[in-house]
N, C-alpha and C. Protein backbone atom coordinates (compact mmCIF):
# COMPACT_ATOMS: atom_id res chain seq x y z
N MET A 1 -3.71 -5.61 -5.36
CA MET A 1 -4.40 -4.41 -4.64
C MET A 1 -5.20 -3.53 -5.45
N THR A 2 -6.47 -3.01 -4.97
CA THR A 2 -7.34 -2.08 -5.41
C THR A 2 -7.35 -0.58 -4.73
N PRO A 3 -7.90 0.04 -5.37
CA PRO A 3 -8.38 1.28 -4.46
C PRO A 3 -9.64 0.84 -3.65
N LEU A 4 -9.33 1.64 -2.28
CA LEU A 4 -10.46 1.21 -1.27
C LEU A 4 -11.66 1.84 -1.97
N ASP A 5 -12.80 1.08 -2.42
CA ASP A 5 -13.98 2.11 -2.56
C ASP A 5 -15.21 1.55 -2.02
N ASP A 6 -15.15 0.25 -1.45
CA ASP A 6 -16.46 -0.28 -0.98
C ASP A 6 -16.95 0.37 0.43
N SER A 7 -18.17 1.37 -0.25
CA SER A 7 -18.54 2.31 0.88
C SER A 7 -19.67 1.48 2.16
N GLU A 8 -20.15 0.34 1.57
CA GLU A 8 -21.12 -0.30 2.78
C GLU A 8 -19.85 -0.94 3.67
N LYS A 9 -18.94 -1.73 3.02
CA LYS A 9 -17.80 -2.09 4.31
C LYS A 9 -17.05 -0.79 5.13
N LEU A 10 -16.89 0.06 4.43
CA LEU A 10 -16.32 1.27 5.01
C LEU A 10 -17.16 1.88 6.01
N ARG A 11 -18.69 1.88 6.02
CA ARG A 11 -19.32 2.32 7.00
C ARG A 11 -19.63 1.58 8.08
N ALA A 12 -19.59 0.21 8.07
CA ALA A 12 -19.76 -0.77 8.78
C ALA A 12 -18.46 -0.74 10.07
N THR A 13 -17.23 -0.56 9.11
CA THR A 13 -16.10 -0.62 10.31
C THR A 13 -16.15 1.21 10.75
N LEU A 14 -16.56 1.96 10.06
CA LEU A 14 -16.73 3.35 11.08
C LEU A 14 -17.16 3.23 11.91
N GLU A 15 -18.59 2.67 12.09
CA GLU A 15 -19.25 2.15 13.19
C GLU A 15 -18.87 1.64 14.26
N LEU A 16 -18.07 0.81 14.25
CA LEU A 16 -17.37 -0.22 15.15
C LEU A 16 -16.02 0.32 15.53
N THR A 17 -15.32 1.11 14.84
CA THR A 17 -13.91 1.62 15.26
C THR A 17 -13.98 3.00 15.76
N GLY A 18 -15.20 4.03 15.08
CA GLY A 18 -15.05 5.46 15.17
C GLY A 18 -14.23 5.97 13.90
N LYS A 19 -13.88 7.15 13.86
CA LYS A 19 -13.09 7.82 13.19
C LYS A 19 -11.46 7.44 13.34
N ARG A 20 -10.58 7.43 12.27
CA ARG A 20 -9.21 7.40 12.12
C ARG A 20 -8.78 8.66 12.47
N VAL A 21 -7.99 8.86 13.13
CA VAL A 21 -6.96 9.90 13.37
C VAL A 21 -5.56 9.57 13.16
N VAL A 22 -5.21 10.42 12.14
CA VAL A 22 -3.89 10.36 11.60
C VAL A 22 -3.09 11.17 12.69
N THR A 23 -2.02 10.64 13.48
CA THR A 23 -0.98 11.87 14.04
C THR A 23 0.06 12.10 13.41
N ASP A 24 0.75 11.24 12.08
CA ASP A 24 1.85 11.54 11.52
C ASP A 24 2.15 10.57 10.33
N VAL A 25 2.54 11.27 9.20
CA VAL A 25 2.86 10.52 7.80
C VAL A 25 4.12 10.72 7.91
N SER A 26 5.04 9.51 7.47
CA SER A 26 6.63 9.70 7.24
C SER A 26 7.24 8.67 6.24
N SER A 27 8.29 8.47 6.11
CA SER A 27 8.63 7.64 5.12
C SER A 27 8.10 7.43 3.56
N VAL A 28 7.55 8.68 3.05
CA VAL A 28 6.98 8.61 1.72
C VAL A 28 7.86 8.42 0.70
N GLU A 29 7.35 7.37 -0.05
CA GLU A 29 8.17 6.78 -1.26
C GLU A 29 7.23 6.95 -2.54
N ILE A 30 7.59 7.54 -3.32
CA ILE A 30 6.83 7.53 -4.80
C ILE A 30 7.63 6.96 -5.87
N ASP A 31 7.04 5.81 -6.45
CA ASP A 31 7.46 5.22 -7.70
C ASP A 31 6.50 5.22 -8.78
N GLY A 32 6.27 6.24 -9.62
CA GLY A 32 5.54 6.15 -10.48
C GLY A 32 4.23 6.53 -10.02
N ASP A 33 3.10 5.66 -10.40
CA ASP A 33 1.72 5.99 -9.93
C ASP A 33 1.39 5.20 -8.72
N HIS A 34 2.43 4.37 -8.06
CA HIS A 34 2.49 3.75 -6.66
C HIS A 34 3.37 4.58 -5.86
N ALA A 35 2.77 4.28 -4.51
CA ALA A 35 3.55 4.83 -3.44
C ALA A 35 3.45 4.29 -1.97
N THR A 36 4.16 4.44 -1.12
CA THR A 36 4.04 3.90 0.37
C THR A 36 4.30 5.27 1.22
N ALA A 37 3.65 4.83 2.36
CA ALA A 37 3.87 5.94 3.47
C ALA A 37 3.90 5.21 4.69
N GLU A 38 4.27 5.47 5.89
CA GLU A 38 4.44 5.06 7.04
C GLU A 38 3.26 6.06 7.83
N VAL A 39 2.21 5.68 8.48
CA VAL A 39 1.38 6.42 8.98
C VAL A 39 1.17 6.23 10.29
N SER A 40 1.13 6.88 11.18
CA SER A 40 0.74 6.71 12.58
C SER A 40 -0.75 7.27 12.95
N PHE A 41 -1.50 6.22 13.49
CA PHE A 41 -2.87 6.61 14.07
C PHE A 41 -3.51 6.00 14.81
N TYR A 42 -4.70 6.45 15.29
CA TYR A 42 -5.41 5.63 16.29
C TYR A 42 -6.93 5.79 15.96
N ASP A 43 -7.82 4.77 16.41
CA ASP A 43 -9.14 4.77 16.00
C ASP A 43 -9.69 4.89 17.23
N GLU A 44 -10.70 6.19 17.15
CA GLU A 44 -11.43 6.67 18.18
C GLU A 44 -11.95 5.94 19.20
N LYS A 45 -12.68 4.87 18.89
CA LYS A 45 -13.49 3.80 19.66
C LYS A 45 -12.65 2.49 19.95
N LEU A 46 -11.32 2.31 19.63
CA LEU A 46 -10.91 1.00 19.52
C LEU A 46 -9.33 1.00 20.39
N ASN A 47 -8.60 2.08 19.95
CA ASN A 47 -7.37 2.26 20.36
C ASN A 47 -6.49 3.41 20.74
N LYS A 48 -7.60 4.25 21.08
CA LYS A 48 -7.35 5.93 21.39
C LYS A 48 -6.02 5.82 22.25
N ASP A 49 -5.59 5.04 23.39
CA ASP A 49 -4.61 5.02 24.10
C ASP A 49 -3.29 4.18 23.70
N LYS A 50 -3.46 3.42 22.33
CA LYS A 50 -2.39 2.73 21.94
C LYS A 50 -2.42 2.94 20.48
N PRO A 51 -1.77 4.02 19.95
CA PRO A 51 -1.35 4.53 18.63
C PRO A 51 -0.73 3.30 17.86
N SER A 52 -1.08 3.26 16.55
CA SER A 52 -0.42 2.21 15.62
C SER A 52 0.30 2.97 14.64
N LYS A 53 1.35 2.17 14.20
CA LYS A 53 2.20 2.77 12.84
C LYS A 53 2.18 1.59 11.89
N GLU A 54 1.53 1.99 10.63
CA GLU A 54 1.48 0.84 9.36
C GLU A 54 2.05 1.50 8.40
N THR A 55 2.60 0.69 7.43
CA THR A 55 2.81 1.17 5.98
C THR A 55 1.87 1.04 5.21
N PHE A 56 1.29 2.04 4.46
CA PHE A 56 0.35 2.24 3.68
C PHE A 56 0.69 1.94 2.05
N ASN A 57 -0.17 1.40 0.92
CA ASN A 57 0.26 1.54 0.01
C ASN A 57 -0.94 2.54 -0.96
N PHE A 58 -0.51 3.19 -1.60
CA PHE A 58 -1.26 4.22 -2.51
C PHE A 58 -1.44 3.94 -4.03
N MET A 59 -2.22 4.61 -4.84
CA MET A 59 -2.11 4.36 -5.90
C MET A 59 -2.77 5.60 -6.66
N HIS A 60 -1.70 6.31 -7.51
CA HIS A 60 -2.41 7.55 -8.20
C HIS A 60 -3.44 7.38 -9.46
N GLU A 61 -4.59 7.98 -9.12
CA GLU A 61 -5.78 7.89 -10.07
C GLU A 61 -5.92 9.03 -10.57
N GLY A 62 -6.15 9.45 -11.72
CA GLY A 62 -6.66 10.67 -11.89
C GLY A 62 -6.05 11.77 -11.49
N ASP A 63 -6.52 12.76 -10.44
CA ASP A 63 -5.84 13.79 -9.64
C ASP A 63 -5.47 13.59 -8.59
N SER A 64 -5.63 12.40 -7.95
CA SER A 64 -5.52 12.08 -6.42
C SER A 64 -4.88 10.78 -6.17
N TRP A 65 -4.44 10.57 -5.06
CA TRP A 65 -4.01 9.15 -4.69
C TRP A 65 -4.96 8.51 -3.66
N LYS A 66 -4.86 7.23 -4.01
CA LYS A 66 -5.94 6.42 -3.26
C LYS A 66 -5.43 5.31 -2.36
N LEU A 67 -5.81 5.11 -1.65
CA LEU A 67 -5.66 4.17 -0.40
C LEU A 67 -5.71 2.79 -1.11
N CYS A 68 -4.70 1.93 -1.14
CA CYS A 68 -5.17 0.40 -1.74
C CYS A 68 -4.79 -0.54 -0.67
N VAL A 69 -5.93 -1.63 -1.06
CA VAL A 69 -5.72 -2.87 0.11
C VAL A 69 -5.91 -3.88 -0.83
N ALA A 70 -5.87 -5.17 0.05
CA ALA A 70 -5.94 -6.21 -0.38
C ALA A 70 -7.46 -6.61 -0.37
N THR A 71 -8.26 -7.40 -1.04
CA THR A 71 -9.78 -7.63 -0.87
C THR A 71 -10.22 -7.56 0.56
N VAL A 72 -11.34 -7.06 0.89
CA VAL A 72 -11.76 -7.19 2.10
C VAL A 72 -12.95 -8.04 2.36
N ASN A 73 -12.93 -8.96 3.24
CA ASN A 73 -13.92 -9.92 3.44
C ASN A 73 -14.93 -9.69 4.42
N SER A 74 -14.70 -8.66 5.35
CA SER A 74 -15.46 -8.52 6.88
C SER A 74 -14.98 -6.82 6.86
N PRO A 75 -16.17 -6.66 7.81
CA PRO A 75 -16.10 -5.11 8.11
C PRO A 75 -15.02 -4.81 8.87
N ILE A 76 -14.45 -5.51 9.64
CA ILE A 76 -13.51 -5.00 10.49
C ILE A 76 -11.78 -5.73 9.49
N THR A 77 -11.11 -4.70 9.44
CA THR A 77 -9.85 -4.96 8.57
C THR A 77 -8.60 -4.03 9.37
N SER A 78 -7.55 -4.14 8.95
CA SER A 78 -6.29 -3.42 9.56
C SER A 78 -6.61 -2.27 8.88
N ILE A 79 -7.41 -2.06 7.99
CA ILE A 79 -7.33 -0.50 7.51
C ILE A 79 -8.73 0.09 7.60
N PRO A 80 -9.05 0.67 8.42
CA PRO A 80 -10.44 1.35 8.68
C PRO A 80 -10.57 2.81 7.92
N PRO A 81 -11.55 2.91 7.78
CA PRO A 81 -11.84 4.42 6.30
C PRO A 81 -11.01 5.54 6.91
N PHE A 82 -10.57 6.38 6.13
CA PHE A 82 -9.90 7.79 6.06
C PHE A 82 -10.80 8.67 7.22
N PRO A 83 -10.31 9.44 7.97
CA PRO A 83 -11.11 10.44 8.90
C PRO A 83 -11.76 11.51 7.96
N GLN A 84 -12.91 12.00 8.43
CA GLN A 84 -13.57 13.03 7.60
C GLN A 84 -13.35 14.08 8.09
């Protein structure tokens, strides 16, 4: 896994899904520079009426934690961009 930093794919996903709205973060576990957290969310354009809950991986890099994902091959993935 690597930090999510492909801005073109993120923009394409955002156009299709709308902003991701996070409603809850729980079960945070930190192990050195890696962490997991259970996140409840919905995407404005796709599943506003059906919130999802997934466990996400994060990596501590510099002064911040970054979302990590497997290689993204298409604009639609299970992990659209962070809300702005």
